[in-house]
Amino acid sequence: MKLWATAAILGCLLGACASSRPDHFYILSVQPQTAGATRTAPGVQATLKVSLPSSVDRYEMVLNTSADAVTVLEHERWAAPLADLVTQTLAQDIERRRGDVVVGGNLSRSTGPALKLTVDIVQVWLRRGERASIETHWRILDARTGKEAAGSDVFSVALGQEGYAGIAQALSQCVGLLADRLAEQIPRAE
């Protein structure tokens, strides 16, 4: 009798494994995907700190289903924590737009960063079949002059393609729009 029960349990477990859905992983992509500004000798070194709400800074994709409800997609996942993906992508987006700026990476230890960029993404809206939006607040501190610039805006992009890859692409485009704004506000080296 025991052998039969063990076999039945194993059969159920194997059946559950066989019917489980595979995980899909997504990244953010640098925008635009064509070559950006010609790289000059970096005249401005910057650090970048990005924060996201903990409700979306996770491996699983989180979609808004209504104004006050979300769904967490167990099998549609980010390849890394979303804050890390946004930080890496935003840094590369800024460098593409401003050939004279290097964000993070090989900063000179003797002079330190000239700029400190702080970006708080206070809200992320992802709606399948509709749009992606990010509400952001930022500060740019110029350590050379002590001047500070701040701003906030909502960046929104309609989904251009169906499926979860379309959500990742639209979020990448929102980050690219944020990079456009930051690149305009970053002071030039003198």
N, C-alpha and C. Protein backbone atom coordinates (compact mmCIF):
# COMPACT_ATOMS: atom_id res chain seq x y z
N MET A 1 0.82 -1.19 0.00
CA MET A 1 0.00 0.00 0.00
C MET A 1 0.86 1.25 0.00
N LYS A 2 1.95 1.24 0.78
CA LYS A 2 2.83 2.40 0.85
C LYS A 2 3.48 2.69 -0.50
N LEU A 3 3.89 1.69 -1.20
CA LEU A 3 4.52 1.84 -2.50
C LEU A 3 3.57 2.49 -3.49
N TRP A 4 2.32 2.10 -3.46
CA TRP A 4 1.31 2.68 -4.35
C TRP A 4 1.13 4.17 -4.05
N ALA A 5 1.07 4.57 -2.79
CA ALA A 5 0.89 5.97 -2.39
C ALA A 5 2.10 6.80 -2.82
N THR A 6 3.29 6.25 -2.64
CA THR A 6 4.49 6.96 -3.05
C THR A 6 4.51 7.16 -4.56
N ALA A 7 4.13 6.14 -5.30
CA ALA A 7 4.09 6.25 -6.76
C ALA A 7 3.06 7.28 -7.20
N ALA A 8 1.93 7.32 -6.53
CA ALA A 8 0.88 8.30 -6.88
C ALA A 8 1.37 9.72 -6.62
N ILE A 9 2.04 9.93 -5.50
CA ILE A 9 2.56 11.26 -5.17
C ILE A 9 3.63 11.67 -6.19
N LEU A 10 4.53 10.77 -6.52
CA LEU A 10 5.56 11.08 -7.51
C LEU A 10 4.95 11.38 -8.87
N GLY A 11 3.92 10.65 -9.24
CA GLY A 11 3.24 10.91 -10.52
C GLY A 11 2.62 12.30 -10.55
N CYS A 12 2.00 12.70 -9.45
CA CYS A 12 1.41 14.04 -9.38
C CYS A 12 2.49 15.12 -9.47
N LEU A 13 3.58 14.92 -8.75
CA LEU A 13 4.67 15.91 -8.78
C LEU A 13 5.28 16.03 -10.17
N LEU A 14 5.51 14.90 -10.82
CA LEU A 14 6.05 14.94 -12.18
C LEU A 14 5.08 15.59 -13.15
N GLY A 15 3.81 15.34 -12.98
CA GLY A 15 2.80 15.97 -13.82
C GLY A 15 2.77 17.47 -13.63
N ALA A 16 2.95 17.92 -12.39
CA ALA A 16 2.97 19.36 -12.12
C ALA A 16 4.18 20.01 -12.76
N CYS A 17 5.33 19.33 -12.70
CA CYS A 17 6.54 19.88 -13.31
C CYS A 17 6.40 19.96 -14.83
N ALA A 18 5.81 18.94 -15.41
CA ALA A 18 5.69 18.90 -16.86
C ALA A 18 4.74 19.97 -17.39
N SER A 19 3.77 20.37 -16.59
CA SER A 19 2.81 21.35 -17.07
C SER A 19 3.17 22.78 -16.69
N SER A 20 4.26 22.98 -15.96
CA SER A 20 4.62 24.34 -15.55
C SER A 20 5.13 25.15 -16.74
N ARG A 21 4.86 26.42 -16.70
CA ARG A 21 5.26 27.32 -17.79
C ARG A 21 6.73 27.69 -17.64
N PRO A 22 7.42 27.88 -18.76
CA PRO A 22 8.82 28.30 -18.68
C PRO A 22 8.90 29.79 -18.32
N ASP A 23 9.99 30.16 -17.69
CA ASP A 23 10.24 31.57 -17.37
C ASP A 23 10.79 32.27 -18.60
N HIS A 24 10.40 33.53 -18.79
CA HIS A 24 10.93 34.38 -19.85
C HIS A 24 11.62 35.56 -19.17
N PHE A 25 12.79 35.95 -19.67
CA PHE A 25 13.57 37.01 -19.05
C PHE A 25 13.71 38.18 -20.00
N TYR A 26 13.66 39.41 -19.45
CA TYR A 26 13.69 40.63 -20.25
C TYR A 26 14.74 41.59 -19.69
N ILE A 27 15.28 42.40 -20.58
CA ILE A 27 16.22 43.45 -20.19
C ILE A 27 15.71 44.76 -20.76
N LEU A 28 16.32 45.85 -20.36
CA LEU A 28 16.04 47.15 -20.96
C LEU A 28 17.12 47.41 -21.99
N SER A 29 16.78 48.16 -23.02
CA SER A 29 17.74 48.42 -24.09
C SER A 29 18.04 49.91 -24.16
N VAL A 30 19.27 50.21 -24.52
CA VAL A 30 19.72 51.59 -24.66
C VAL A 30 18.96 52.23 -25.82
N GLN A 31 18.55 53.48 -25.64
CA GLN A 31 17.79 54.21 -26.66
C GLN A 31 18.54 55.46 -27.07
N PRO A 32 18.62 55.85 -28.28
CA PRO A 32 18.22 55.05 -29.43
C PRO A 32 19.24 53.94 -29.64
N GLN A 33 18.85 52.94 -30.37
CA GLN A 33 19.72 51.79 -30.55
C GLN A 33 20.81 52.04 -31.58
N THR A 34 20.71 53.13 -32.33
CA THR A 34 21.78 53.48 -33.26
C THR A 34 22.87 54.21 -32.49
N ALA A 35 24.01 54.41 -33.12
CA ALA A 35 25.13 55.08 -32.46
C ALA A 35 24.74 56.47 -32.02
N GLY A 36 25.23 56.86 -30.86
CA GLY A 36 24.88 58.16 -30.30
C GLY A 36 25.95 59.19 -30.60
N ALA A 37 26.10 60.12 -29.67
CA ALA A 37 27.05 61.21 -29.81
C ALA A 37 28.47 60.66 -29.93
N THR A 38 29.28 61.33 -30.71
CA THR A 38 30.67 60.94 -30.86
C THR A 38 31.36 61.12 -29.51
N ARG A 39 32.04 60.08 -29.08
CA ARG A 39 32.70 60.12 -27.78
C ARG A 39 33.92 61.02 -27.85
N THR A 40 33.92 62.02 -27.01
CA THR A 40 35.09 62.88 -26.86
C THR A 40 35.74 62.50 -25.54
N ALA A 41 36.86 63.10 -25.26
CA ALA A 41 37.47 62.85 -23.95
C ALA A 41 36.47 63.32 -22.90
N PRO A 42 36.12 62.45 -21.96
CA PRO A 42 35.11 62.85 -20.98
C PRO A 42 35.53 64.12 -20.23
N GLY A 43 34.68 65.12 -20.32
CA GLY A 43 34.95 66.36 -19.62
C GLY A 43 34.22 66.44 -18.30
N VAL A 44 33.17 65.62 -18.15
CA VAL A 44 32.35 65.63 -16.94
C VAL A 44 32.20 64.21 -16.44
N GLN A 45 32.59 64.00 -15.20
CA GLN A 45 32.40 62.69 -14.57
C GLN A 45 31.19 62.78 -13.66
N ALA A 46 30.38 61.74 -13.66
CA ALA A 46 29.15 61.76 -12.87
C ALA A 46 28.90 60.43 -12.19
N THR A 47 28.24 60.51 -11.05
CA THR A 47 27.71 59.31 -10.41
C THR A 47 26.20 59.34 -10.60
N LEU A 48 25.60 58.18 -10.59
CA LEU A 48 24.16 58.07 -10.80
C LEU A 48 23.58 57.14 -9.76
N LYS A 49 22.56 57.62 -9.07
CA LYS A 49 21.83 56.79 -8.11
C LYS A 49 20.37 56.83 -8.51
N VAL A 50 19.79 55.64 -8.72
CA VAL A 50 18.39 55.53 -9.12
C VAL A 50 17.65 54.71 -8.07
N SER A 51 16.48 55.18 -7.68
CA SER A 51 15.63 54.40 -6.78
C SER A 51 14.27 54.18 -7.43
N LEU A 52 13.68 53.04 -7.12
CA LEU A 52 12.35 52.67 -7.61
C LEU A 52 11.51 52.23 -6.42
N PRO A 53 10.19 52.30 -6.57
CA PRO A 53 9.34 51.76 -5.50
C PRO A 53 9.59 50.27 -5.31
N SER A 54 9.61 49.82 -4.07
CA SER A 54 9.88 48.41 -3.80
C SER A 54 8.83 47.49 -4.43
N SER A 55 7.65 48.00 -4.67
CA SER A 55 6.59 47.16 -5.26
C SER A 55 6.93 46.72 -6.68
N VAL A 56 7.80 47.45 -7.40
CA VAL A 56 8.17 47.06 -8.75
C VAL A 56 9.63 46.67 -8.88
N ASP A 57 10.45 46.97 -7.87
CA ASP A 57 11.87 46.64 -7.94
C ASP A 57 12.06 45.19 -7.51
N ARG A 58 11.74 44.31 -8.41
CA ARG A 58 11.79 42.88 -8.16
C ARG A 58 12.07 42.16 -9.47
N TYR A 59 12.28 40.89 -9.42
CA TYR A 59 12.57 40.13 -10.63
C TYR A 59 11.32 39.92 -11.48
N GLU A 60 10.16 39.73 -10.86
CA GLU A 60 8.94 39.51 -11.61
C GLU A 60 8.43 40.83 -12.20
N MET A 61 7.89 40.75 -13.40
CA MET A 61 7.26 41.91 -14.01
C MET A 61 5.96 42.19 -13.24
N VAL A 62 5.70 43.46 -12.96
CA VAL A 62 4.49 43.86 -12.24
C VAL A 62 3.69 44.75 -13.17
N LEU A 63 2.47 44.32 -13.50
CA LEU A 63 1.61 45.09 -14.40
C LEU A 63 0.45 45.69 -13.63
N ASN A 64 0.07 46.89 -14.03
CA ASN A 64 -1.10 47.54 -13.45
C ASN A 64 -2.34 46.98 -14.15
N THR A 65 -3.31 46.57 -13.36
CA THR A 65 -4.56 46.07 -13.92
C THR A 65 -5.68 47.09 -13.77
N SER A 66 -5.51 48.02 -12.84
CA SER A 66 -6.44 49.13 -12.63
C SER A 66 -5.70 50.20 -11.86
N ALA A 67 -6.40 51.25 -11.48
CA ALA A 67 -5.75 52.35 -10.76
C ALA A 67 -5.20 51.91 -9.42
N ASP A 68 -5.79 50.88 -8.82
CA ASP A 68 -5.36 50.47 -7.49
C ASP A 68 -5.07 48.97 -7.38
N ALA A 69 -4.76 48.32 -8.49
CA ALA A 69 -4.47 46.89 -8.45
C ALA A 69 -3.36 46.54 -9.44
N VAL A 70 -2.56 45.56 -9.05
CA VAL A 70 -1.47 45.08 -9.91
C VAL A 70 -1.53 43.57 -9.96
N THR A 71 -0.83 43.03 -10.94
CA THR A 71 -0.64 41.58 -11.01
C THR A 71 0.86 41.33 -11.15
N VAL A 72 1.35 40.37 -10.40
CA VAL A 72 2.76 39.99 -10.43
C VAL A 72 2.88 38.76 -11.33
N LEU A 73 3.67 38.89 -12.37
CA LEU A 73 3.81 37.80 -13.36
C LEU A 73 4.98 36.91 -12.98
N GLU A 74 4.66 35.75 -12.49
CA GLU A 74 5.68 34.81 -11.99
C GLU A 74 6.65 34.36 -13.08
N HIS A 75 6.18 34.21 -14.31
CA HIS A 75 7.02 33.64 -15.36
C HIS A 75 7.55 34.67 -16.35
N GLU A 76 7.18 35.94 -16.19
CA GLU A 76 7.71 37.03 -17.02
C GLU A 76 8.60 37.84 -16.09
N ARG A 77 9.91 37.72 -16.27
CA ARG A 77 10.86 38.24 -15.28
C ARG A 77 11.89 39.18 -15.89
N TRP A 78 12.37 40.09 -15.07
CA TRP A 78 13.52 40.91 -15.44
C TRP A 78 14.77 40.07 -15.23
N ALA A 79 15.77 40.28 -16.03
CA ALA A 79 17.01 39.51 -15.93
C ALA A 79 17.85 39.92 -14.72
N ALA A 80 17.51 41.04 -14.09
CA ALA A 80 18.19 41.55 -12.89
C ALA A 80 17.16 42.40 -12.16
N PRO A 81 17.46 42.82 -10.92
CA PRO A 81 16.52 43.73 -10.26
C PRO A 81 16.28 44.96 -11.15
N LEU A 82 15.04 45.41 -11.21
CA LEU A 82 14.67 46.48 -12.13
C LEU A 82 15.48 47.76 -11.86
N ALA A 83 15.78 48.07 -10.60
CA ALA A 83 16.58 49.27 -10.31
C ALA A 83 17.96 49.17 -10.96
N ASP A 84 18.56 48.00 -10.95
CA ASP A 84 19.87 47.81 -11.59
C ASP A 84 19.76 48.00 -13.11
N LEU A 85 18.72 47.42 -13.70
CA LEU A 85 18.54 47.56 -15.15
C LEU A 85 18.32 49.02 -15.54
N VAL A 86 17.49 49.73 -14.77
CA VAL A 86 17.22 51.14 -15.08
C VAL A 86 18.50 51.96 -14.92
N THR A 87 19.26 51.73 -13.85
CA THR A 87 20.49 52.48 -13.62
C THR A 87 21.48 52.28 -14.76
N GLN A 88 21.72 51.03 -15.14
CA GLN A 88 22.68 50.73 -16.22
C GLN A 88 22.22 51.34 -17.54
N THR A 89 20.95 51.20 -17.85
CA THR A 89 20.42 51.69 -19.12
C THR A 89 20.43 53.22 -19.16
N LEU A 90 20.03 53.85 -18.06
CA LEU A 90 20.02 55.32 -18.00
C LEU A 90 21.43 55.87 -18.14
N ALA A 91 22.40 55.25 -17.49
CA ALA A 91 23.80 55.70 -17.60
C ALA A 91 24.27 55.64 -19.05
N GLN A 92 23.99 54.53 -19.73
CA GLN A 92 24.40 54.39 -21.13
C GLN A 92 23.64 55.36 -22.03
N ASP A 93 22.36 55.56 -21.73
CA ASP A 93 21.57 56.51 -22.52
C ASP A 93 22.14 57.93 -22.41
N ILE A 94 22.51 58.33 -21.20
CA ILE A 94 23.09 59.67 -21.00
C ILE A 94 24.41 59.79 -21.77
N GLU A 95 25.25 58.78 -21.66
CA GLU A 95 26.54 58.81 -22.36
C GLU A 95 26.35 58.86 -23.88
N ARG A 96 25.30 58.22 -24.40
CA ARG A 96 25.04 58.29 -25.84
C ARG A 96 24.63 59.69 -26.27
N ARG A 97 23.97 60.40 -25.39
CA ARG A 97 23.48 61.73 -25.73
C ARG A 97 24.52 62.81 -25.49
N ARG A 98 25.44 62.52 -24.57
CA ARG A 98 26.47 63.50 -24.23
C ARG A 98 27.83 62.82 -24.28
N GLY A 99 28.54 62.99 -25.39
CA GLY A 99 29.84 62.38 -25.57
C GLY A 99 30.89 62.88 -24.60
N ASP A 100 30.61 63.98 -23.90
CA ASP A 100 31.57 64.55 -22.96
C ASP A 100 31.32 64.10 -21.52
N VAL A 101 30.37 63.20 -21.31
CA VAL A 101 29.99 62.76 -19.96
C VAL A 101 30.28 61.27 -19.81
N VAL A 102 30.89 60.90 -18.69
CA VAL A 102 31.03 59.49 -18.34
C VAL A 102 30.29 59.31 -17.00
N VAL A 103 29.42 58.31 -16.97
CA VAL A 103 28.62 58.05 -15.78
C VAL A 103 29.13 56.78 -15.13
N GLY A 104 29.58 56.89 -13.88
CA GLY A 104 30.10 55.72 -13.17
C GLY A 104 31.35 55.21 -13.83
N GLY A 105 31.55 53.91 -13.75
CA GLY A 105 32.69 53.30 -14.45
C GLY A 105 34.03 53.78 -13.95
N ASN A 106 34.89 54.19 -14.87
CA ASN A 106 36.27 54.54 -14.56
C ASN A 106 36.40 56.01 -14.19
N LEU A 107 35.87 56.37 -13.04
CA LEU A 107 35.98 57.75 -12.58
C LEU A 107 37.37 57.98 -12.00
N SER A 108 37.88 59.16 -12.23
CA SER A 108 39.19 59.53 -11.70
C SER A 108 39.12 59.60 -10.18
N ARG A 109 40.00 58.89 -9.51
CA ARG A 109 40.00 58.89 -8.05
C ARG A 109 40.53 60.21 -7.50
N SER A 110 41.35 60.91 -8.25
CA SER A 110 41.95 62.14 -7.73
C SER A 110 40.95 63.29 -7.68
N THR A 111 40.13 63.40 -8.71
CA THR A 111 39.20 64.53 -8.73
C THR A 111 37.81 64.15 -8.27
N GLY A 112 37.45 62.87 -8.36
CA GLY A 112 36.11 62.45 -7.97
C GLY A 112 35.08 62.91 -8.97
N PRO A 113 33.84 62.54 -8.76
CA PRO A 113 32.80 62.93 -9.71
C PRO A 113 32.49 64.42 -9.63
N ALA A 114 32.34 65.03 -10.78
CA ALA A 114 31.98 66.46 -10.81
C ALA A 114 30.48 66.63 -10.59
N LEU A 115 29.71 65.61 -10.99
CA LEU A 115 28.25 65.68 -10.86
C LEU A 115 27.71 64.49 -10.10
N LYS A 116 26.66 64.75 -9.35
CA LYS A 116 25.94 63.68 -8.68
C LYS A 116 24.50 63.74 -9.18
N LEU A 117 24.12 62.69 -9.90
CA LEU A 117 22.77 62.59 -10.43
C LEU A 117 21.97 61.66 -9.52
N THR A 118 20.85 62.14 -9.02
CA THR A 118 19.97 61.34 -8.18
C THR A 118 18.60 61.31 -8.84
N VAL A 119 18.12 60.12 -9.16
CA VAL A 119 16.84 59.97 -9.84
C VAL A 119 15.94 59.09 -8.96
N ASP A 120 14.80 59.64 -8.60
CA ASP A 120 13.79 58.87 -7.87
C ASP A 120 12.63 58.61 -8.82
N ILE A 121 12.46 57.36 -9.17
CA ILE A 121 11.28 56.98 -9.97
C ILE A 121 10.21 56.63 -8.94
N VAL A 122 9.24 57.52 -8.80
CA VAL A 122 8.27 57.37 -7.73
C VAL A 122 7.07 56.52 -8.12
N GLN A 123 6.86 56.33 -9.42
CA GLN A 123 5.74 55.52 -9.87
C GLN A 123 6.08 54.89 -11.22
N VAL A 124 5.76 53.63 -11.37
CA VAL A 124 5.92 52.92 -12.65
C VAL A 124 4.56 52.33 -12.99
N TRP A 125 4.07 52.67 -14.17
CA TRP A 125 2.81 52.11 -14.66
C TRP A 125 3.12 51.28 -15.90
N LEU A 126 2.76 50.04 -15.87
CA LEU A 126 2.92 49.15 -17.03
C LEU A 126 1.58 48.49 -17.26
N ARG A 127 0.98 48.79 -18.42
CA ARG A 127 -0.32 48.20 -18.75
C ARG A 127 -0.21 47.49 -20.09
N ARG A 128 -0.42 46.20 -20.05
CA ARG A 128 -0.32 45.38 -21.26
C ARG A 128 -1.33 45.87 -22.30
N GLY A 129 -0.85 46.04 -23.52
CA GLY A 129 -1.71 46.49 -24.61
C GLY A 129 -1.97 47.99 -24.62
N GLU A 130 -1.39 48.73 -23.65
CA GLU A 130 -1.65 50.17 -23.57
C GLU A 130 -0.36 50.99 -23.58
N ARG A 131 0.23 51.16 -22.40
CA ARG A 131 1.39 52.04 -22.32
C ARG A 131 2.27 51.74 -21.11
N ALA A 132 3.45 52.33 -21.15
CA ALA A 132 4.36 52.32 -20.00
C ALA A 132 4.61 53.77 -19.63
N SER A 133 4.65 54.05 -18.34
CA SER A 133 4.90 55.41 -17.85
C SER A 133 5.76 55.36 -16.61
N ILE A 134 6.60 56.36 -16.45
CA ILE A 134 7.36 56.52 -15.20
C ILE A 134 7.22 57.96 -14.73
N GLU A 135 6.94 58.12 -13.45
CA GLU A 135 6.91 59.45 -12.83
C GLU A 135 8.23 59.61 -12.10
N THR A 136 8.97 60.66 -12.43
CA THR A 136 10.33 60.80 -11.90
C THR A 136 10.55 62.16 -11.26
N HIS A 137 11.47 62.17 -10.31
CA HIS A 137 12.02 63.39 -9.70
C HIS A 137 13.53 63.23 -9.77
N TRP A 138 14.25 64.31 -10.06
CA TRP A 138 15.71 64.20 -10.14
C TRP A 138 16.38 65.45 -9.59
N ARG A 139 17.64 65.23 -9.21
CA ARG A 139 18.52 66.31 -8.76
C ARG A 139 19.86 66.13 -9.44
N ILE A 140 20.43 67.24 -9.88
CA ILE A 140 21.77 67.23 -10.45
C ILE A 140 22.60 68.20 -9.63
N LEU A 141 23.56 67.68 -8.88
CA LEU A 141 24.43 68.51 -8.05
C LEU A 141 25.78 68.63 -8.74
N ASP A 142 26.18 69.86 -9.04
CA ASP A 142 27.50 70.13 -9.63
C ASP A 142 28.47 70.39 -8.49
N ALA A 143 29.33 69.42 -8.21
CA ALA A 143 30.27 69.54 -7.09
C ALA A 143 31.31 70.63 -7.33
N ARG A 144 31.52 71.02 -8.59
CA ARG A 144 32.51 72.05 -8.90
C ARG A 144 32.01 73.42 -8.49
N THR A 145 30.72 73.67 -8.64
CA THR A 145 30.18 75.01 -8.37
C THR A 145 29.23 75.03 -7.19
N GLY A 146 28.77 73.86 -6.76
CA GLY A 146 27.80 73.80 -5.68
C GLY A 146 26.37 74.06 -6.15
N LYS A 147 26.19 74.30 -7.45
CA LYS A 147 24.85 74.56 -7.97
C LYS A 147 24.08 73.25 -8.09
N GLU A 148 22.78 73.39 -7.91
CA GLU A 148 21.92 72.23 -7.98
C GLU A 148 20.73 72.53 -8.88
N ALA A 149 20.39 71.56 -9.71
CA ALA A 149 19.20 71.65 -10.56
C ALA A 149 18.28 70.49 -10.18
N ALA A 150 17.00 70.74 -10.22
CA ALA A 150 16.04 69.70 -9.88
C ALA A 150 14.89 69.76 -10.87
N GLY A 151 14.21 68.65 -11.00
CA GLY A 151 13.07 68.62 -11.89
C GLY A 151 12.24 67.38 -11.66
N SER A 152 11.11 67.34 -12.31
CA SER A 152 10.24 66.17 -12.25
C SER A 152 9.38 66.15 -13.50
N ASP A 153 8.96 64.96 -13.89
CA ASP A 153 8.11 64.83 -15.06
C ASP A 153 7.59 63.39 -15.12
N VAL A 154 6.61 63.21 -15.98
CA VAL A 154 6.10 61.87 -16.28
C VAL A 154 6.46 61.59 -17.73
N PHE A 155 7.08 60.45 -17.97
CA PHE A 155 7.45 60.04 -19.31
C PHE A 155 6.61 58.82 -19.67
N SER A 156 5.92 58.90 -20.79
CA SER A 156 4.96 57.87 -21.15
C SER A 156 5.12 57.49 -22.62
N VAL A 157 5.02 56.19 -22.89
CA VAL A 157 5.17 55.67 -24.24
C VAL A 157 4.10 54.62 -24.48
N ALA A 158 3.42 54.72 -25.62
CA ALA A 158 2.46 53.68 -26.00
C ALA A 158 3.21 52.44 -26.41
N LEU A 159 2.66 51.27 -26.10
CA LEU A 159 3.30 50.02 -26.48
C LEU A 159 3.23 49.87 -27.99
N GLY A 160 4.38 49.64 -28.59
CA GLY A 160 4.47 49.51 -30.04
C GLY A 160 4.29 48.09 -30.53
N GLN A 161 4.41 47.13 -29.64
CA GLN A 161 4.27 45.73 -30.04
C GLN A 161 3.55 44.97 -28.93
N GLU A 162 2.94 43.88 -29.29
CA GLU A 162 2.21 43.05 -28.34
C GLU A 162 3.19 42.24 -27.50
N GLY A 163 2.72 41.73 -26.41
CA GLY A 163 3.50 40.83 -25.59
C GLY A 163 4.34 41.55 -24.57
N TYR A 164 5.00 40.76 -23.75
CA TYR A 164 5.79 41.30 -22.66
C TYR A 164 7.07 41.96 -23.14
N ALA A 165 7.62 41.52 -24.27
CA ALA A 165 8.79 42.19 -24.83
C ALA A 165 8.44 43.63 -25.21
N GLY A 166 7.21 43.87 -25.61
CA GLY A 166 6.75 45.22 -25.92
C GLY A 166 6.73 46.11 -24.69
N ILE A 167 6.43 45.52 -23.53
CA ILE A 167 6.45 46.27 -22.28
C ILE A 167 7.88 46.67 -21.94
N ALA A 168 8.81 45.74 -22.09
CA ALA A 168 10.22 46.04 -21.82
C ALA A 168 10.73 47.12 -22.77
N GLN A 169 10.33 47.06 -24.03
CA GLN A 169 10.76 48.07 -25.01
C GLN A 169 10.17 49.44 -24.67
N ALA A 170 8.91 49.49 -24.31
CA ALA A 170 8.28 50.77 -23.96
C ALA A 170 8.90 51.36 -22.70
N LEU A 171 9.23 50.52 -21.72
CA LEU A 171 9.90 51.02 -20.52
C LEU A 171 11.29 51.54 -20.87
N SER A 172 11.99 50.87 -21.77
CA SER A 172 13.29 51.35 -22.25
C SER A 172 13.16 52.73 -22.88
N GLN A 173 12.10 52.93 -23.64
CA GLN A 173 11.88 54.23 -24.29
C GLN A 173 11.57 55.31 -23.26
N CYS A 174 10.84 54.97 -22.20
CA CYS A 174 10.60 55.94 -21.12
C CYS A 174 11.92 56.36 -20.48
N VAL A 175 12.80 55.40 -20.22
CA VAL A 175 14.11 55.70 -19.65
C VAL A 175 14.91 56.58 -20.63
N GLY A 176 14.79 56.32 -21.93
CA GLY A 176 15.45 57.15 -22.94
C GLY A 176 14.95 58.58 -22.93
N LEU A 177 13.65 58.78 -22.73
CA LEU A 177 13.09 60.14 -22.64
C LEU A 177 13.62 60.86 -21.40
N LEU A 178 13.75 60.13 -20.30
CA LEU A 178 14.35 60.70 -19.10
C LEU A 178 15.80 61.09 -19.37
N ALA A 179 16.53 60.26 -20.07
CA ALA A 179 17.93 60.56 -20.41
C ALA A 179 18.02 61.82 -21.27
N ASP A 180 17.07 61.99 -22.21
CA ASP A 180 17.05 63.21 -23.02
C ASP A 180 16.99 64.44 -22.12
N ARG A 181 16.09 64.41 -21.15
CA ARG A 181 15.91 65.56 -20.26
C ARG A 181 17.14 65.80 -19.40
N LEU A 182 17.70 64.73 -18.83
CA LEU A 182 18.89 64.89 -17.99
C LEU A 182 20.08 65.39 -18.79
N ALA A 183 20.25 64.88 -20.00
CA ALA A 183 21.37 65.31 -20.85
C ALA A 183 21.29 66.80 -21.16
N GLU A 184 20.08 67.32 -21.30
CA GLU A 184 19.91 68.76 -21.53
C GLU A 184 20.32 69.57 -20.30
N GLN A 185 20.09 69.03 -19.11
CA GLN A 185 20.32 69.78 -17.88
C GLN A 185 21.72 69.60 -17.30
N ILE A 186 22.47 68.61 -17.75
CA ILE A 186 23.81 68.41 -17.23
C ILE A 186 24.69 69.55 -17.71
N PRO A 187 25.36 70.25 -16.79
CA PRO A 187 26.22 71.36 -17.19
C PRO A 187 27.41 70.89 -18.05
N ARG A 188 27.82 71.73 -18.95
CA ARG A 188 28.98 71.45 -19.79
C ARG A 188 30.27 71.71 -19.01
N ALA A 189 31.32 70.96 -19.36
CA ALA A 189 32.63 71.20 -18.76
C ALA A 189 33.17 72.53 -19.25
N GLU A 190 33.85 73.20 -18.38
CA GLU A 190 34.40 74.51 -18.78
C GLU A 190 35.88 74.44 -18.97
